[in-house]
Protein backbone atom coordinates (compact mmCIF):
# COMPACT_ATOMS: atom_id res chain seq x y z
CA MET A 1 95.92 126.96 74.04
CA PRO A 2 94.42 123.47 73.46
CA PRO A 3 96.54 120.88 71.68
CA GLU A 4 95.95 120.08 68.03
CA ILE A 5 93.92 116.88 67.49
CA ASP A 6 95.22 114.93 64.50
CA ASP A 7 92.74 113.78 61.88
CA THR A 8 93.69 110.13 62.32
CA TYR A 9 92.48 106.97 63.99
CA ALA A 10 93.52 104.39 66.55
CA GLU A 11 93.49 100.89 65.18
CA ALA A 12 92.05 98.32 67.62
CA PHE A 13 91.38 94.60 67.43
CA ASP A 14 89.31 91.82 68.99
CA GLY A 15 90.66 90.19 72.12
CA LEU A 16 89.62 87.53 74.59
CA PHE A 17 89.26 88.75 78.15
CA ALA A 18 88.38 87.61 81.65
CA ARG A 19 87.32 89.97 84.42
CA LEU A 20 88.23 88.82 87.92
CA LEU A 21 87.32 90.12 91.35
CA VAL A 22 90.30 89.56 93.67
CA THR A 23 90.21 90.06 97.43
CA ALA A 24 92.74 89.90 100.23
CA ARG A 25 93.00 90.44 103.97
CA ASP A 26 94.65 93.86 103.65
CA THR A 27 95.59 96.48 101.10
CA LYS A 28 99.28 95.53 101.02
CA ARG A 29 98.54 91.94 99.97
CA LEU A 30 95.81 93.05 97.57
CA ARG A 31 98.08 95.48 95.73
CA LYS A 32 100.85 92.90 95.53
CA ALA A 33 98.49 90.42 93.84
CA ALA A 34 96.68 92.96 91.64
CA TYR A 35 99.68 94.81 90.27
CA GLY A 36 102.02 91.83 90.24
CA SER A 37 99.71 89.55 88.26
CA THR A 38 98.91 92.23 85.67
CA ALA A 39 102.40 93.71 85.37
CA LEU A 40 103.66 92.27 82.08
CA PRO A 41 101.77 93.46 78.96
CA SER A 42 102.57 90.96 76.21
CA VAL A 43 99.42 90.06 74.27
CA VAL A 44 101.00 91.04 70.94
CA ILE A 45 103.56 88.26 71.29
CA GLY A 46 100.96 85.61 72.03
CA ARG A 47 101.00 85.79 75.83
CA ALA A 48 98.45 87.27 78.23
CA GLU A 49 98.33 90.84 79.50
CA GLY A 50 96.24 92.54 82.10
CA GLY A 51 95.43 95.64 84.08
CA VAL A 52 93.70 96.86 87.21
CA GLU A 53 90.30 98.26 86.32
CA ARG A 54 89.61 99.64 89.78
CA LEU A 55 90.03 99.03 93.50
CA LEU A 56 87.04 98.02 95.64
CA SER A 57 86.04 98.83 99.21
CA ARG A 58 85.05 96.11 101.69
CA ASN A 59 81.35 96.68 101.08
CA GLU A 60 81.77 96.00 97.33
CA THR A 61 83.24 92.49 97.60
CA PRO A 62 81.59 89.09 98.18
CA ASP A 63 83.63 88.32 101.33
CA GLY A 64 83.75 91.78 102.91
CA ARG A 65 87.49 92.28 102.34
CA VAL A 66 89.37 94.84 100.26
CA GLY A 67 89.31 93.96 96.59
CA ALA A 68 90.11 94.87 93.00
CA ILE A 69 88.68 94.25 89.56
CA LEU A 70 91.35 92.87 87.23
CA GLN A 71 91.17 92.17 83.52
CA PHE A 72 93.31 89.66 81.65
CA TRP A 73 93.54 89.59 77.87
CA GLY A 74 94.68 87.27 75.10
CA LEU A 75 94.66 87.25 71.32
CA HIS A 76 91.52 86.16 69.48
CA ASP A 77 92.08 84.23 66.27
CA PRO A 78 88.81 84.08 64.28
CA VAL A 79 90.20 81.24 62.15
CA ARG A 80 91.66 79.11 64.95
CA VAL A 81 89.15 79.91 67.66
CA LYS A 82 89.66 76.81 69.81
CA GLU A 83 93.44 77.16 69.74
CA SER A 84 93.29 80.82 70.78
CA VAL A 85 90.81 80.06 73.59
CA ASP A 86 92.94 77.18 74.86
CA ARG A 87 96.03 79.39 74.80
CA PHE A 88 94.22 82.17 76.66
CA CYS A 89 92.97 79.81 79.37
CA ARG A 90 96.48 78.45 79.83
CA GLU A 91 98.03 81.92 79.97
CA LEU A 92 95.36 83.11 82.40
CA SER A 93 96.16 80.19 84.69
CA TYR A 94 99.83 81.22 84.78
CA ARG A 95 98.89 84.74 85.87
CA ILE A 96 96.60 83.47 88.62
CA ARG A 97 98.92 80.73 89.87
CA GLN A 98 102.13 82.75 89.87
CA GLY A 99 100.74 86.22 90.60
CA ILE A 100 97.73 85.77 92.89
CA LEU A 101 97.63 82.29 94.44
CA VAL A 102 101.13 82.74 95.93
CA VAL A 103 100.19 86.01 97.67
CA PRO A 104 98.92 85.20 101.19
CA THR A 105 95.18 85.53 101.98
CA THR A 106 94.02 86.11 98.38
CA ALA A 107 90.82 84.84 96.79
CA VAL A 108 89.47 85.08 93.24
CA TYR A 109 85.82 85.47 92.22
CA ASN A 110 84.19 85.80 88.82
CA GLY A 111 83.69 89.42 87.80
CA PHE A 112 82.11 89.00 84.37
CA GLU A 113 78.66 87.52 83.89
CA SER A 114 78.77 85.39 80.77
CA SER A 115 77.32 82.10 79.59
CA ASP A 116 80.78 81.33 78.19
CA LYS A 117 82.84 80.13 81.16
CA MET A 118 86.17 78.47 81.89
CA ASP A 119 86.53 75.64 84.39
CA MET A 120 89.41 76.47 86.74
CA MET A 121 89.71 73.00 88.24
CA PRO A 122 92.14 71.55 85.64
CA THR A 123 94.51 74.54 85.61
CA ILE A 124 94.19 76.05 89.12
CA GLY A 125 92.31 73.63 91.34
CA HIS A 126 94.74 70.78 90.83
CA CYS A 127 97.48 72.91 92.38
CA GLY A 128 96.06 71.21 95.48
CA ASP A 129 97.53 67.91 94.19
CA GLY A 130 94.29 66.07 94.79
CA TYR A 131 93.57 67.64 98.20
CA GLU A 132 91.51 70.47 96.69
CA SER A 133 87.76 70.58 97.32
CA ASP A 134 84.76 71.86 95.37
CA GLU A 135 82.09 73.48 97.54
CA GLU A 136 79.47 76.20 97.89
CA TYR A 137 80.69 79.39 99.53
CA LEU A 138 78.97 82.78 99.65
CA GLY A 139 76.46 81.54 97.11
CA ARG A 140 79.21 80.65 94.62
CA ARG A 141 80.81 77.45 93.39
CA ILE A 142 84.30 77.63 94.90
CA ILE A 143 87.48 75.56 94.65
CA ARG A 144 89.41 75.47 97.92
CA VAL A 145 93.15 74.81 97.43
CA PRO A 146 95.11 74.00 100.62
CA LEU A 147 98.38 75.94 100.89
CA MET A 148 101.08 76.33 103.52
CA MET A 149 99.54 79.60 104.76
CA GLY A 150 95.92 78.49 104.57
CA ASP A 151 93.45 77.91 101.73
CA PHE A 152 93.36 79.73 98.41
CA LEU A 153 89.81 80.20 97.12
CA ILE A 154 88.87 80.61 93.48
CA GLU A 155 85.46 80.55 91.88
CA ARG A 156 85.37 77.41 89.77
CA TYR A 157 83.82 78.90 86.63
CA LEU A 158 85.15 82.24 85.37
CA GLY A 159 83.39 84.05 82.54
CA LYS A 160 85.21 85.07 79.40
CA GLY A 161 84.21 87.33 76.55
CA LEU A 162 85.29 89.08 73.38
CA GLY A 163 86.34 92.68 73.87
CA VAL A 164 88.34 95.34 72.07
CA ALA A 165 92.08 95.81 72.63
CA GLY A 166 94.61 98.29 71.34
CA GLY A 167 92.74 101.58 71.48
CA ASN A 168 95.30 104.30 72.05
CA ILE A 169 96.30 107.94 72.08
CA TRP A 170 99.72 109.52 71.51
CA LEU A 171 100.67 112.74 73.30
CA PHE A 172 103.23 114.92 71.51
CA CYS A 173 104.99 116.86 74.27
CA ARG A 174 107.77 119.45 74.52
CA ASN A 175 109.61 117.61 77.28
CA GLU A 176 109.62 114.59 79.55
CA TYR A 177 108.01 116.44 82.46
CA THR A 178 105.00 117.39 80.34
CA ALA A 179 104.78 113.86 78.93
CA LEU A 180 104.60 112.32 82.38
CA ARG A 181 102.13 114.91 83.63
CA ALA A 182 99.84 114.48 80.62
CA GLY A 183 100.17 110.71 80.82
CA GLU A 184 99.16 110.66 84.47
CA LYS A 185 96.14 112.86 83.75
CA ALA A 186 95.06 110.54 80.95
CA ILE A 187 95.49 107.41 83.08
CA ALA A 188 93.46 108.92 85.93
CA ALA A 189 90.63 109.82 83.56
CA ILE A 190 90.54 106.34 82.02
CA SER A 191 90.39 104.73 85.48
CA SER A 192 86.94 106.29 85.94
CA VAL A 193 85.57 104.48 82.87
CA GLN A 194 84.08 101.16 83.93
CA GLY A 195 85.27 98.26 81.81
CA ALA A 196 88.51 99.90 80.62
CA ILE A 197 92.14 99.20 81.54
CA THR A 198 95.52 100.59 80.50
CA PRO A 199 97.82 97.52 80.36
CA PHE A 200 100.99 99.57 79.76
CA ASP A 201 100.09 102.53 82.02
CA ILE A 202 102.21 105.34 80.46
CA CYS A 203 104.00 103.55 77.62
CA SER A 204 107.32 104.84 76.32
CA ALA A 205 107.57 102.48 73.33
CA GLY A 206 105.17 102.62 70.43
CA SER A 207 105.83 99.78 67.99
CA LYS A 208 105.33 99.11 64.28
CA PRO A 209 104.45 95.90 62.40
CA GLU A 210 107.46 95.89 60.06
CA THR A 211 110.86 95.14 61.60
CA LYS A 212 114.43 94.16 60.72
CA PHE A 213 114.30 91.57 63.48
CA PRO A 214 111.04 89.58 63.16
CA GLU A 215 112.32 86.88 65.49
CA ILE A 216 111.92 89.21 68.49
CA GLY A 217 108.51 90.63 67.54
CA PRO A 218 107.54 94.32 67.60
CA THR A 219 110.39 96.83 67.54
CA THR A 220 110.61 100.57 68.05
CA ASN A 221 108.54 102.89 65.89
CA HIS A 222 111.62 104.78 64.74
CA TYR A 223 109.67 107.41 62.81
CA TYR A 224 108.45 108.79 66.15
CA CYS A 225 111.63 108.54 68.24
CA PRO A 226 112.67 112.14 69.11
CA THR A 227 116.38 111.29 69.39
CA LEU A 228 116.35 110.00 65.80
CA ARG A 229 114.88 113.17 64.34
CA ALA A 230 118.23 114.44 63.04
CA ARG A 231 119.55 111.00 62.08
CA ILE A 232 116.89 109.67 59.70
CA PRO A 233 115.45 111.32 56.58
CA ASP A 234 111.84 110.22 57.17
CA SER A 235 111.36 111.28 60.80
CA LYS A 236 107.77 112.29 61.66
CA ILE A 237 108.71 114.24 64.77
CA PRO A 238 107.53 117.87 64.63
CA GLU A 239 109.88 120.67 65.65
CA GLY A 240 109.91 121.14 69.42
CA VAL A 241 108.61 117.66 70.36
CA ALA A 242 110.90 115.74 72.72
CA SER A 243 108.66 113.05 74.24
CA ILE A 244 105.64 111.04 73.02
CA PRO A 245 103.93 108.78 75.57
CA GLU A 246 101.41 106.26 74.27
CA ILE A 247 98.37 105.29 76.33
CA VAL A 248 96.99 101.89 75.25
CA ILE A 249 93.42 101.01 76.20
CA ASN A 250 91.57 97.69 76.32
CA GLY A 251 87.86 97.58 77.04
CA THR A 252 85.01 95.14 77.40
CA THR A 253 83.21 96.76 74.43
CA LEU A 254 84.09 99.10 71.58
CA GLN A 255 82.03 101.85 73.21
CA VAL A 256 83.98 101.46 76.45
CA VAL A 257 87.26 101.98 74.54
CA LYS A 258 85.84 105.05 72.79
CA ASN A 259 84.63 106.47 76.11
CA ALA A 260 88.05 105.92 77.65
CA MET A 261 89.87 107.58 74.75
CA ARG A 262 87.49 110.54 74.90
CA ALA A 263 88.00 110.89 78.66
CA ALA A 264 91.77 110.83 78.22
CA ILE A 265 91.74 113.49 75.50
CA GLU A 266 89.50 115.76 77.56
CA ALA A 267 91.70 115.29 80.62
CA VAL A 268 94.89 116.49 78.92
CA ASP A 269 93.32 119.55 77.30
CA GLY A 270 95.11 122.71 78.38
CA ILE A 271 98.30 121.15 79.75
CA PRO A 272 101.19 123.50 78.93
CA GLY A 273 103.72 121.86 76.64
CA LEU A 274 101.29 119.37 75.10
CA MET A 275 101.37 120.19 71.39
CA ARG A 276 99.38 117.48 69.65
CA VAL A 277 97.17 114.46 70.35
CA SER A 278 97.43 111.64 67.84
CA ALA A 279 97.08 107.86 67.71
CA GLY A 280 98.80 104.78 66.39
CA ASN A 281 97.52 102.77 63.45
CA TYR A 282 98.92 100.32 60.95
CA GLY A 283 96.84 100.90 57.85
CA GLY A 284 94.24 98.33 58.85
CA ARG A 285 96.72 95.45 59.09
CA LEU A 286 96.35 94.95 62.85
CA GLY A 287 92.65 95.16 63.64
CA ARG A 288 89.19 95.80 62.23
CA TYR A 289 88.28 98.78 64.40
CA ARG A 290 89.17 102.35 63.43
CA ILE A 291 88.46 104.86 66.18
CA ASN A 292 88.69 108.36 64.71
CA LEU A 293 89.98 111.02 67.09
CA LYS A 294 88.01 113.85 65.49
CA GLU A 295 84.76 111.95 65.98
CA LEU A 296 85.54 111.59 69.70
CA THR A 297 86.05 115.30 70.15
CA THR A 298 83.14 116.77 68.18
């Protein structure tokens, strides 16, 4: 029996993103850089977050080595545009310097064609302490940073754009086993959608905008915590539901996010123990996009 699809919407918002093509000598080093640099999703608290869009074979990369497409995201403030762009560029540099540059044999190339580009010399190139060089390599403008294990290469100008962050689905499941199984199916389906990432993978912690502790940022969405069902009068947990994973989706366009949500919903159809598919929204307070689940499934 297929799960019930709630008549609700996922609330998404504008975000700044960069799309990088990272390569390395071997798969072990590549995975260390790709998953390490994108591991901490924290855009809602003003930092950067990221995800692995897909892995690449040697014949798909500029230098003939194994590679991956990574996305990094930051908040977009339509009122303070310059400040949000500056913050994103700074946060992106932290991810590259501490998560990719330090992994032996890695290189970074631009993976998003845009007229709006960021110069990596001030924030990455100068890690060479004045010994860095700017040169042509493989038909690209490359910064070469000398390191103790050889040179780190990064394309000097990386494109940035405005995408859509925060698309999501919630999976109401009878138990933890079903939740993990459904979550994995959803993640696998989303990975086939070009331009989409899942920065939290299977996320165990949906949040809400209002909180008793604003100094720490988002806190648990207590209405949907199964263990609180008998303790609070306004629980929204249906009878029989014991686990609700959230799958958060960022994408280069609104259509990409919709395609990814649709693929995830189709992928979990028919899983025993999955009772409902829903989504998180905040009454329009978070973002300007409302992605209706019923419209995705009709």
